[in-house]
Amino acid sequence: MSGVFIKDAVHGYIKLDNEMKKLLINNPFTERLRYIHQMGGGYLIYVSAHHTRYEHSLGVYNIATKAFDNIAKDLNYDNETKDYIRKLIGTAALFHDIGHTYFSHITENIIYQYGENWAIINEAVNRITRKGKPHERIACFLLYDNNYLQNNGLIRNKIQEIFNGNNIDKTIRDICKIIVGDDNLETIDKENRWIVGLINGVIDADRLDYMLRDSFMAGFPRTFDLERIVRSYSVYHFGGRNRIVFKHHILSSLKHLFDVRDDLYLWVYRHHKVVYVDELIRRLVFKLIQHKNNECSKLLDIKNMLDNYYADHDLLHIFKKCLRDDPLYNIFLNRSYHKSLWKNWYQYRNLVLINDIERQTINLFINKIKREIQDNVLNAINKIELIESEIIQDLHLPSHSVFLALAKFRPTLLDEVVQQETYLLFPGNVLLRLGELNIFHAPMKSHLVLYLYAIPGINRDRLVKKFIEVLEHYIE
């Protein structure tokens, strides 16, 4: 099979066959991914983490197709079926992130709640599937759209070219469903619907690539044996259908994988400075929405973003153009960052500055604001800013000297593995649920931490006391 080799810092040479290459050539939607930072604002803290959604998508393609090729050796596919399934997987991998907004997940909730176009797009995708995260559903829309966007039908035409002779509508719907994790496929029989788990599962190509790539690019000295995990993918028939299982000899590799994922959340993704920078970007987007000049908020309209292929650098330009005199923008621009009173989850849980009763007050507030974020993230941001202002005013502090940011620590990967019943295949075709093995630590549940930041020189005890008082007022 002829094609092209792409040199990648993480995987070495990635081979794209000629048909997959056609999906990327002259495709502004995938080119846009070159300018969407994989780790959001993390590159401002981890200076080498400038990697993007583009190379991540290539990495997902590389892992998913290799895993499929390994599994296919044990399945009796004819060449036509094998080639078709491989193209489905490859296409879903390359396109799975084309719906991301600026700085990946940072602006997602704000932009999806802003304007009317998200409702139109969401309703259109509902005709195909009800599943999927917002950026996955945007990707589905881009695949299927034929008349809404200016460059309508571009991706659809590329897919039609490489799937020539197949029912294009059903094929596109299946690619969409693989992206969102819906195994109700139309062109694939029930016995082969396990392929969805290669792109959107618990231990999938998406997760394997971002963990390895983010660790490497951030200079975080943790890794796992990717090749061993990919070679351990297998398919076994139980529960009325074929399912992805893993060969038993990868227990040590899975342990390393779980540790890397959990440590990434604790020490990289939720590093106190990364949380701070991400929240700064969200606040600046919030200010653009409130701006009286429509030119300043036009980038936040989803249709406008997709029609013009806007990416991170476009948003930064609008910040500079529209928020030049804003104090928060100058903090962002000059890196005159506030300092966090607690730097990680463990300090938050054990810090002597906060007793158990005060921590309970913070948690009650977190539960309340969490519901408001889900209902209307703009109102939630406004409330947090009012809390900051009240603290500053009561303590007679300089303006913008206190800053709050909410960070979500996801449950451990082991917790997800337990919930979704991931299985290991032992000799003699013995299956064991991974969660039943007593070799791993007990899973940690999902939780939120409210970070409190302040400029240097403020009395920490007085600040924490006032912080708690103001929160008590808001939870009454």
Protein backbone atom coordinates (compact mmCIF):
# COMPACT_ATOMS: atom_id res chain seq x y z
CA MET A 1 0.00 0.00 0.00
CA SER A 2 1.64 3.24 -1.17
CA GLY A 3 1.42 6.46 0.75
CA VAL A 4 3.41 9.13 2.57
CA PHE A 5 5.47 9.04 5.76
CA ILE A 6 5.16 11.87 8.29
CA LYS A 7 7.86 12.26 10.95
CA ASP A 8 6.34 12.75 14.39
CA ALA A 9 8.22 13.56 17.60
CA VAL A 10 6.27 10.96 19.58
CA HIS A 11 5.62 8.05 17.22
CA GLY A 12 8.46 8.39 14.75
CA TYR A 13 7.30 7.83 11.17
CA ILE A 14 3.53 7.72 10.70
CA LYS A 15 2.41 6.21 7.41
CA LEU A 16 -0.66 7.64 5.68
CA ASP A 17 -1.84 5.72 2.65
CA ASN A 18 -2.83 7.74 -0.41
CA GLU A 19 -6.56 7.65 0.35
CA MET A 20 -6.11 8.97 3.88
CA LYS A 21 -3.74 11.62 2.55
CA LYS A 22 -6.57 12.95 0.37
CA LEU A 23 -8.56 13.74 3.52
CA LEU A 24 -5.86 16.19 4.65
CA ILE A 25 -4.79 17.85 1.38
CA ASN A 26 -6.49 21.20 0.69
CA ASN A 27 -8.64 20.75 3.76
CA PRO A 28 -8.86 24.01 5.78
CA PHE A 29 -10.72 22.28 8.61
CA THR A 30 -7.79 19.97 9.38
CA GLU A 31 -5.25 22.74 8.66
CA ARG A 32 -7.01 24.81 11.33
CA LEU A 33 -6.02 22.18 13.88
CA ARG A 34 -2.37 23.20 13.43
CA TYR A 35 -3.27 26.37 15.33
CA ILE A 36 -5.37 24.89 18.15
CA HIS A 37 -3.12 24.17 21.14
CA GLN A 38 -3.54 20.65 22.48
CA MET A 39 -3.08 21.68 26.12
CA GLY A 40 -5.03 24.94 25.94
CA GLY A 41 -3.10 27.61 27.81
CA GLY A 42 -0.67 25.04 29.20
CA TYR A 43 2.02 26.11 26.72
CA LEU A 44 2.28 29.41 28.60
CA ILE A 45 3.49 27.46 31.65
CA TYR A 46 5.17 24.42 30.07
CA VAL A 47 7.15 26.27 27.43
CA SER A 48 7.75 23.31 25.11
CA ALA A 49 4.09 22.23 25.08
CA HIS A 50 3.27 23.99 21.81
CA HIS A 51 1.87 20.84 20.23
CA THR A 52 -1.51 21.06 18.52
CA ARG A 53 -4.62 19.09 17.71
CA TYR A 54 -3.19 18.40 14.23
CA GLU A 55 -0.31 16.16 15.26
CA HIS A 56 -2.50 14.63 17.97
CA SER A 57 -5.00 13.59 15.29
CA LEU A 58 -2.21 11.98 13.28
CA GLY A 59 -1.11 10.17 16.43
CA VAL A 60 -4.62 8.86 17.05
CA TYR A 61 -4.74 7.64 13.44
CA ASN A 62 -1.40 5.88 13.90
CA ILE A 63 -2.43 4.08 17.09
CA ALA A 64 -5.98 3.18 16.01
CA THR A 65 -4.98 1.73 12.63
CA LYS A 66 -2.09 -0.24 14.15
CA ALA A 67 -4.40 -1.67 16.81
CA PHE A 68 -6.94 -2.62 14.13
CA ASP A 69 -4.26 -4.24 11.95
CA ASN A 70 -3.14 -6.28 14.95
CA ILE A 71 -6.69 -7.40 15.78
CA ALA A 72 -7.55 -8.12 12.14
CA LYS A 73 -4.84 -10.80 11.95
CA ASP A 74 -7.05 -13.03 14.11
CA LEU A 75 -10.32 -12.26 12.29
CA ASN A 76 -11.41 -13.78 9.01
CA TYR A 77 -11.98 -10.59 7.03
CA ASP A 78 -12.06 -10.56 3.27
CA ASN A 79 -9.92 -7.77 1.80
CA GLU A 80 -12.89 -5.55 0.92
CA THR A 81 -14.36 -5.64 4.44
CA LYS A 82 -10.98 -5.13 6.07
CA ASP A 83 -10.15 -2.14 3.86
CA TYR A 84 -13.56 -0.55 4.45
CA ILE A 85 -13.37 -0.88 8.24
CA ARG A 86 -9.79 0.41 8.30
CA LYS A 87 -10.84 3.48 6.28
CA LEU A 88 -13.74 4.11 8.68
CA ILE A 89 -11.38 4.01 11.66
CA GLY A 90 -8.72 6.14 9.94
CA THR A 91 -11.20 8.79 8.83
CA ALA A 92 -12.76 9.03 12.29
CA ALA A 93 -9.29 9.37 13.83
CA LEU A 94 -8.18 12.18 11.52
CA PHE A 95 -11.44 14.11 11.94
CA HIS A 96 -12.30 13.42 15.58
CA ASP A 97 -11.07 16.83 16.82
CA ILE A 98 -12.01 19.19 13.96
CA GLY A 99 -14.85 20.61 16.07
CA HIS A 100 -12.61 22.06 18.79
CA THR A 101 -12.93 25.74 19.66
CA TYR A 102 -10.13 28.09 20.69
CA PHE A 103 -7.51 26.64 23.04
CA SER A 104 -9.23 23.25 22.94
CA HIS A 105 -11.46 22.72 25.99
CA ILE A 106 -10.92 26.10 27.68
CA THR A 107 -13.55 28.05 25.74
CA GLU A 108 -15.83 25.13 24.94
CA ASN A 109 -18.64 25.69 27.44
CA ILE A 110 -18.72 29.47 26.91
CA ILE A 111 -18.89 29.37 23.12
CA TYR A 112 -21.41 26.53 23.00
CA GLN A 113 -23.73 28.50 25.27
CA TYR A 114 -23.27 31.72 23.32
CA GLY A 115 -25.34 32.57 20.25
CA GLU A 116 -27.96 30.70 18.28
CA ASN A 117 -25.84 28.60 15.94
CA TRP A 118 -24.98 25.92 18.49
CA ALA A 119 -28.69 25.07 18.81
CA ILE A 120 -28.99 24.73 15.02
CA ILE A 121 -25.92 22.50 14.81
CA ASN A 122 -26.95 20.43 17.83
CA GLU A 123 -30.41 19.81 16.41
CA ALA A 124 -28.94 18.70 13.08
CA VAL A 125 -26.61 16.20 14.76
CA ASN A 126 -29.50 14.86 16.87
CA ARG A 127 -30.88 13.36 13.66
CA ILE A 128 -27.79 11.12 13.60
CA THR A 129 -27.01 10.54 17.27
CA ARG A 130 -27.75 11.92 20.72
CA LYS A 131 -24.29 11.09 22.03
CA GLY A 132 -21.05 13.01 22.08
CA LYS A 133 -19.28 15.94 23.69
CA PRO A 134 -19.85 19.36 22.08
CA HIS A 135 -16.65 19.35 20.02
CA GLU A 136 -17.40 15.80 18.82
CA ARG A 137 -20.87 16.86 17.73
CA ILE A 138 -19.39 19.83 15.86
CA ALA A 139 -17.09 17.36 14.07
CA CYS A 140 -20.16 15.31 13.09
CA PHE A 141 -21.83 18.39 11.72
CA LEU A 142 -18.79 19.27 9.62
CA LEU A 143 -18.80 15.78 8.13
CA TYR A 144 -22.46 15.82 7.23
CA ASP A 145 -23.11 19.50 6.45
CA ASN A 146 -24.06 20.22 2.87
CA ASN A 147 -25.60 23.70 2.94
CA TYR A 148 -25.09 25.60 6.24
CA LEU A 149 -21.44 26.66 6.19
CA GLN A 150 -19.77 28.70 3.46
CA ASN A 151 -17.45 25.83 2.55
CA ASN A 152 -20.30 23.36 2.75
CA GLY A 153 -19.79 19.82 1.57
CA LEU A 154 -15.97 20.03 1.49
CA ILE A 155 -15.33 17.19 3.93
CA ARG A 156 -18.33 15.23 2.66
CA ASN A 157 -16.89 15.34 -0.88
CA LYS A 158 -13.48 14.14 0.34
CA ILE A 159 -15.08 11.23 2.18
CA GLN A 160 -17.16 10.38 -0.88
CA GLU A 161 -14.01 10.27 -2.99
CA ILE A 162 -12.26 7.66 -0.86
CA PHE A 163 -15.41 5.63 -0.12
CA ASN A 164 -16.44 5.52 -3.76
CA GLY A 165 -19.22 3.01 -4.38
CA ASN A 166 -20.51 2.96 -0.80
CA ASN A 167 -23.68 4.56 0.52
CA ILE A 168 -22.12 7.89 1.45
CA ASP A 169 -24.85 9.03 3.84
CA LYS A 170 -24.68 5.85 5.91
CA THR A 171 -20.87 5.86 5.80
CA ILE A 172 -20.67 9.44 7.07
CA ARG A 173 -23.19 8.70 9.80
CA ASP A 174 -21.04 5.76 10.90
CA ILE A 175 -17.86 7.87 10.97
CA CYS A 176 -19.77 10.39 13.07
CA LYS A 177 -20.96 7.68 15.46
CA ILE A 178 -17.44 6.32 15.88
CA ILE A 179 -16.27 9.82 16.82
CA VAL A 180 -18.98 10.30 19.47
CA GLY A 181 -18.87 6.74 20.82
CA ASP A 182 -22.21 5.47 19.47
CA ASP A 183 -21.95 1.82 18.39
CA ASN A 184 -25.31 1.76 16.61
CA LEU A 185 -23.56 1.58 13.22
CA GLU A 186 -25.41 1.19 9.93
CA THR A 187 -22.81 -0.14 7.49
CA ILE A 188 -21.11 -2.48 9.96
CA ASP A 189 -22.69 -5.66 11.31
CA LYS A 190 -23.13 -6.18 15.03
CA GLU A 191 -20.05 -8.39 15.32
CA ASN A 192 -17.75 -5.56 14.21
CA ARG A 193 -19.17 -2.66 16.21
CA TRP A 194 -16.31 -3.05 18.68
CA ILE A 195 -14.31 -0.75 16.37
CA VAL A 196 -15.96 2.26 18.06
CA GLY A 197 -13.89 1.51 21.16
CA LEU A 198 -10.64 2.12 19.29
CA ILE A 199 -11.48 5.83 18.93
CA ASN A 200 -13.92 6.48 21.75
CA GLY A 201 -13.52 3.95 24.54
CA VAL A 202 -11.83 3.75 27.93
CA ILE A 203 -8.36 2.71 26.76
CA ASP A 204 -8.58 4.14 23.25
CA ALA A 205 -6.22 5.64 20.67
CA ASP A 206 -7.28 9.18 21.56
CA ARG A 207 -6.37 8.77 25.22
CA LEU A 208 -3.17 6.81 24.54
CA ASP A 209 -1.85 9.52 22.23
CA TYR A 210 -2.69 12.57 24.31
CA MET A 211 -1.21 11.05 27.47
CA LEU A 212 2.04 10.09 25.77
CA ARG A 213 2.23 13.31 23.73
CA ASP A 214 1.33 15.71 26.55
CA SER A 215 3.82 14.04 28.90
CA PHE A 216 6.61 14.23 26.34
CA MET A 217 5.93 17.79 25.16
CA ALA A 218 5.48 19.17 28.68
CA GLY A 219 8.76 17.59 29.78
CA PHE A 220 6.89 15.50 32.35
CA PRO A 221 9.10 12.46 33.04
CA ARG A 222 6.39 9.77 32.93
CA THR A 223 5.70 7.27 30.21
CA PHE A 224 4.20 3.84 29.46
CA ASP A 225 4.80 1.06 26.94
CA LEU A 226 2.54 2.09 24.07
CA GLU A 227 3.66 -0.63 21.68
CA ARG A 228 2.98 -3.38 24.21
CA ILE A 229 -0.52 -2.02 24.87
CA VAL A 230 -1.33 -1.71 21.15
CA ARG A 231 -0.18 -5.30 20.53
CA SER A 232 -2.35 -6.50 23.42
CA TYR A 233 -5.65 -5.36 21.86
CA SER A 234 -7.84 -8.34 21.05
CA VAL A 235 -11.48 -9.13 20.33
CA TYR A 236 -13.47 -11.80 22.15
CA HIS A 237 -17.11 -12.85 21.77
CA PHE A 238 -19.15 -12.68 24.96
CA GLY A 239 -22.36 -11.04 26.10
CA GLY A 240 -23.89 -11.65 22.69
CA ARG A 241 -21.31 -9.76 20.63
CA ASN A 242 -17.62 -9.16 19.98
CA ARG A 243 -15.90 -6.82 22.43
CA ILE A 244 -12.44 -5.33 22.83
CA VAL A 245 -10.40 -7.10 25.50
CA PHE A 246 -6.73 -6.94 26.44
CA LYS A 247 -4.29 -9.80 26.68
CA HIS A 248 -3.34 -10.56 30.26
CA HIS A 249 0.41 -9.92 29.91
CA ILE A 250 0.00 -6.12 29.87
CA LEU A 251 -0.90 -5.68 33.53
CA SER A 252 2.33 -3.82 34.31
CA SER A 253 1.88 -1.60 31.23
CA LEU A 254 -1.68 -0.76 32.28
CA LYS A 255 -0.47 0.14 35.76
CA HIS A 256 2.03 2.58 34.21
CA LEU A 257 -0.72 3.95 31.96
CA PHE A 258 -3.05 4.60 34.91
CA ASP A 259 -0.26 6.30 36.85
CA VAL A 260 0.67 8.58 33.94
CA ARG A 261 -2.91 9.65 33.36
CA ASP A 262 -3.59 10.40 37.03
CA ASP A 263 -0.29 12.22 37.49
CA LEU A 264 -0.95 14.33 34.39
CA TYR A 265 -4.17 15.59 35.97
CA LEU A 266 -2.63 16.18 39.36
CA TRP A 267 0.63 17.84 38.30
CA VAL A 268 0.23 19.12 34.71
CA TYR A 269 -3.37 19.75 33.60
CA ARG A 270 -4.35 21.00 37.05
CA HIS A 271 -1.08 22.67 37.93
CA HIS A 272 -2.10 25.80 39.80
CA LYS A 273 -0.56 28.09 37.15
CA VAL A 274 -2.19 26.19 34.28
CA VAL A 275 -5.56 26.47 36.04
CA TYR A 276 -4.91 30.19 36.47
CA VAL A 277 -3.95 30.86 32.82
CA ASP A 278 -6.87 28.81 31.51
CA GLU A 279 -9.27 30.80 33.68
CA LEU A 280 -7.69 34.08 32.53
CA ILE A 281 -8.41 33.13 28.92
CA ARG A 282 -12.00 32.23 29.82
CA ARG A 283 -12.48 35.58 31.57
CA LEU A 284 -11.12 37.46 28.55
CA VAL A 285 -13.54 35.58 26.28
CA PHE A 286 -16.32 36.55 28.69
CA LYS A 287 -15.27 40.20 28.30
CA LEU A 288 -15.45 39.90 24.51
CA ILE A 289 -19.03 38.65 24.80
CA GLN A 290 -19.89 41.71 26.88
CA HIS A 291 -18.10 44.08 24.50
CA LYS A 292 -20.33 46.63 22.75
CA ASN A 293 -18.38 46.34 19.50
CA ASN A 294 -19.69 43.41 17.44
CA GLU A 295 -16.30 43.09 15.76
CA CYS A 296 -14.92 42.02 19.12
CA SER A 297 -17.41 39.22 19.72
CA LYS A 298 -17.80 37.87 16.18
CA LEU A 299 -15.11 35.21 16.68
CA LEU A 300 -17.26 33.62 19.37
CA ASP A 301 -20.04 32.70 16.97
CA ILE A 302 -19.58 29.05 16.03
CA LYS A 303 -20.65 29.44 12.40
CA ASN A 304 -18.37 32.44 11.96
CA MET A 305 -15.50 30.52 13.58
CA LEU A 306 -15.95 27.57 11.24
CA ASP A 307 -16.62 29.64 8.11
CA ASN A 308 -13.37 31.56 8.63
CA TYR A 309 -11.32 28.74 10.19
CA TYR A 310 -10.50 30.92 13.18
CA ALA A 311 -7.99 29.47 15.65
CA ASP A 312 -6.03 30.41 18.77
CA HIS A 313 -3.93 33.16 17.18
CA ASP A 314 -7.08 34.90 15.91
CA LEU A 315 -8.50 35.01 19.42
CA LEU A 316 -5.23 36.40 20.80
CA HIS A 317 -5.33 39.11 18.12
CA ILE A 318 -8.86 40.09 19.14
CA PHE A 319 -7.78 40.21 22.78
CA LYS A 320 -5.07 42.68 21.80
CA LYS A 321 -7.37 44.73 19.58
CA CYS A 322 -10.41 44.94 21.86
CA LEU A 323 -9.05 44.52 25.39
CA ARG A 324 -5.82 46.47 25.14
CA ASP A 325 -6.63 48.65 28.17
CA ASP A 326 -8.29 45.94 30.26
CA PRO A 327 -6.42 45.15 33.53
CA LEU A 328 -6.92 41.39 33.16
CA TYR A 329 -5.56 41.44 29.62
CA ASN A 330 -2.47 43.28 30.83
CA ILE A 331 -1.99 40.68 33.54
CA PHE A 332 -2.25 38.00 30.83
CA LEU A 333 0.03 39.86 28.41
CA ASN A 334 2.72 40.80 30.93
CA ARG A 335 2.57 37.52 32.87
CA SER A 336 2.12 39.43 36.11
CA TYR A 337 0.28 36.45 37.54
CA HIS A 338 -1.33 36.14 40.94
CA LYS A 339 0.00 33.56 43.42
CA SER A 340 -2.08 30.59 44.55
CA LEU A 341 -2.66 30.03 48.27
CA TRP A 342 -2.75 26.28 47.66
CA LYS A 343 -0.88 24.77 44.74
CA ASN A 344 -2.51 21.36 44.34
CA TRP A 345 -5.30 19.09 45.53
CA TYR A 346 -3.26 17.67 48.40
CA GLN A 347 -2.46 21.11 49.79
CA TYR A 348 -6.12 22.07 49.50
CA ARG A 349 -7.13 18.98 51.44
CA ASN A 350 -4.53 19.39 54.18
CA LEU A 351 -3.66 23.09 54.35
CA VAL A 352 -3.55 24.47 57.89
CA LEU A 353 -4.97 27.78 56.62
CA ILE A 354 -8.36 26.09 56.20
CA ASN A 355 -10.11 24.00 58.82
CA ASP A 356 -12.67 21.30 58.06
CA ILE A 357 -15.68 23.58 58.61
CA GLU A 358 -14.26 26.21 56.24
CA ARG A 359 -13.46 23.53 53.69
CA GLN A 360 -17.08 22.38 53.95
CA THR A 361 -18.20 25.95 53.18
CA ILE A 362 -15.99 25.98 50.08
CA ASN A 363 -17.40 22.63 48.95
CA LEU A 364 -20.99 23.84 49.39
CA PHE A 365 -20.20 26.83 47.23
CA ILE A 366 -18.51 24.61 44.63
CA ASN A 367 -21.63 22.42 44.39
CA LYS A 368 -23.80 25.49 43.91
CA ILE A 369 -21.60 27.17 41.31
CA LYS A 370 -21.15 23.86 39.47
CA ARG A 371 -24.89 23.73 38.79
CA GLU A 372 -24.84 27.34 37.61
CA ILE A 373 -21.96 26.62 35.23
CA GLN A 374 -23.97 23.80 33.67
CA ASP A 375 -27.03 26.04 33.29
CA ASN A 376 -25.32 29.28 32.24
CA VAL A 377 -21.54 29.56 32.39
CA LEU A 378 -21.66 33.32 31.70
CA ASN A 379 -23.78 33.97 34.80
CA ALA A 380 -21.45 31.75 36.84
CA ILE A 381 -18.39 33.73 35.74
CA ASN A 382 -20.17 36.95 36.59
CA LYS A 383 -20.95 35.65 40.10
CA ILE A 384 -17.33 34.63 40.68
CA GLU A 385 -16.18 38.10 39.64
CA LEU A 386 -18.67 39.66 42.08
CA ILE A 387 -17.21 37.51 44.88
CA GLU A 388 -13.72 38.66 43.99
CA SER A 389 -14.85 42.29 44.00
CA GLU A 390 -16.53 41.92 47.39
CA ILE A 391 -13.38 40.45 48.94
CA ILE A 392 -11.24 43.22 47.44
CA GLN A 393 -13.62 45.95 48.58
CA ASP A 394 -14.01 44.64 52.15
CA LEU A 395 -10.25 44.28 52.63
CA HIS A 396 -9.49 47.59 50.86
CA LEU A 397 -7.21 45.88 48.38
CA PRO A 398 -6.09 47.11 44.94
CA SER A 399 -8.46 46.24 42.09
CA HIS A 400 -7.96 42.81 40.49
CA SER A 401 -5.73 41.71 43.38
CA VAL A 402 -7.79 38.55 44.09
CA PHE A 403 -8.67 35.87 41.56
CA LEU A 404 -10.69 32.65 41.78
CA ALA A 405 -10.58 29.63 39.50
CA LEU A 406 -12.45 26.33 39.64
CA ALA A 407 -10.63 23.18 38.52
CA LYS A 408 -12.09 19.75 37.98
CA PHE A 409 -10.00 16.74 38.91
CA ARG A 410 -11.41 13.83 36.96
CA PRO A 411 -11.81 10.37 38.48
CA THR A 412 -8.82 8.12 37.98
CA LEU A 413 -8.58 6.10 34.79
CA LEU A 414 -8.98 2.98 36.93
CA ASP A 415 -12.36 4.29 38.07
CA GLU A 416 -13.51 4.59 34.45
CA VAL A 417 -12.12 1.14 33.68
CA VAL A 418 -14.13 -0.31 36.58
CA GLN A 419 -17.33 1.46 35.53
CA GLN A 420 -17.08 0.41 31.87
CA GLU A 421 -16.10 -3.19 32.59
CA THR A 422 -12.75 -3.49 30.81
CA TYR A 423 -11.67 -7.13 30.53
CA LEU A 424 -8.40 -9.04 30.44
CA LEU A 425 -8.12 -12.29 28.47
CA PHE A 426 -6.12 -15.04 30.20
CA PRO A 427 -4.98 -18.42 28.82
CA GLY A 428 -7.82 -20.88 28.35
CA ASN A 429 -10.10 -18.00 27.25
CA VAL A 430 -10.64 -16.94 30.85
CA LEU A 431 -11.99 -13.39 31.17
CA LEU A 432 -11.50 -11.23 34.24
CA ARG A 433 -12.73 -7.70 34.82
CA LEU A 434 -9.78 -5.43 35.38
CA GLY A 435 -11.52 -3.80 38.32
CA GLU A 436 -11.72 -7.16 40.14
CA LEU A 437 -7.95 -7.51 40.36
CA ASN A 438 -6.53 -6.30 43.68
CA ILE A 439 -3.27 -4.98 42.26
CA PHE A 440 -4.34 -1.37 41.83
CA HIS A 441 -5.11 1.40 44.30
CA ALA A 442 -8.71 2.24 45.07
CA PRO A 443 -10.03 4.71 42.49
CA MET A 444 -10.37 8.39 43.37
CA LYS A 445 -13.71 10.02 42.58
CA SER A 446 -14.18 13.15 40.50
CA HIS A 447 -13.97 16.35 42.51
CA LEU A 448 -13.63 20.10 42.13
CA VAL A 449 -11.14 22.43 43.77
CA LEU A 450 -11.61 26.19 44.10
CA TYR A 451 -8.23 27.89 43.79
CA LEU A 452 -7.71 31.22 45.53
CA TYR A 453 -5.07 33.51 44.00
CA ALA A 454 -3.78 36.88 45.20
CA ILE A 455 -1.03 39.38 44.49
CA PRO A 456 2.04 39.16 46.77
CA GLY A 457 1.98 41.02 50.07
CA ILE A 458 -1.61 40.32 51.14
CA ASN A 459 -2.04 38.82 54.60
CA ARG A 460 -3.02 35.20 53.92
CA ASP A 461 -4.98 34.68 57.16
CA ARG A 462 -7.10 37.81 56.64
CA LEU A 463 -7.68 36.90 53.00
CA VAL A 464 -8.82 33.34 53.75
CA LYS A 465 -11.11 34.54 56.56
CA LYS A 466 -12.80 37.08 54.28
CA PHE A 467 -12.93 34.53 51.46
CA ILE A 468 -14.91 32.14 53.68
CA GLU A 469 -17.21 34.91 54.93
CA VAL A 470 -18.13 35.96 51.40
CA LEU A 471 -18.75 32.36 50.31
CA GLU A 472 -21.04 31.82 53.29
CA HIS A 473 -23.10 34.78 52.13
CA TYR A 474 -23.46 33.30 48.63
CA ILE A 475 -24.54 29.84 49.78
CA GLU A 476 -27.29 31.11 52.11
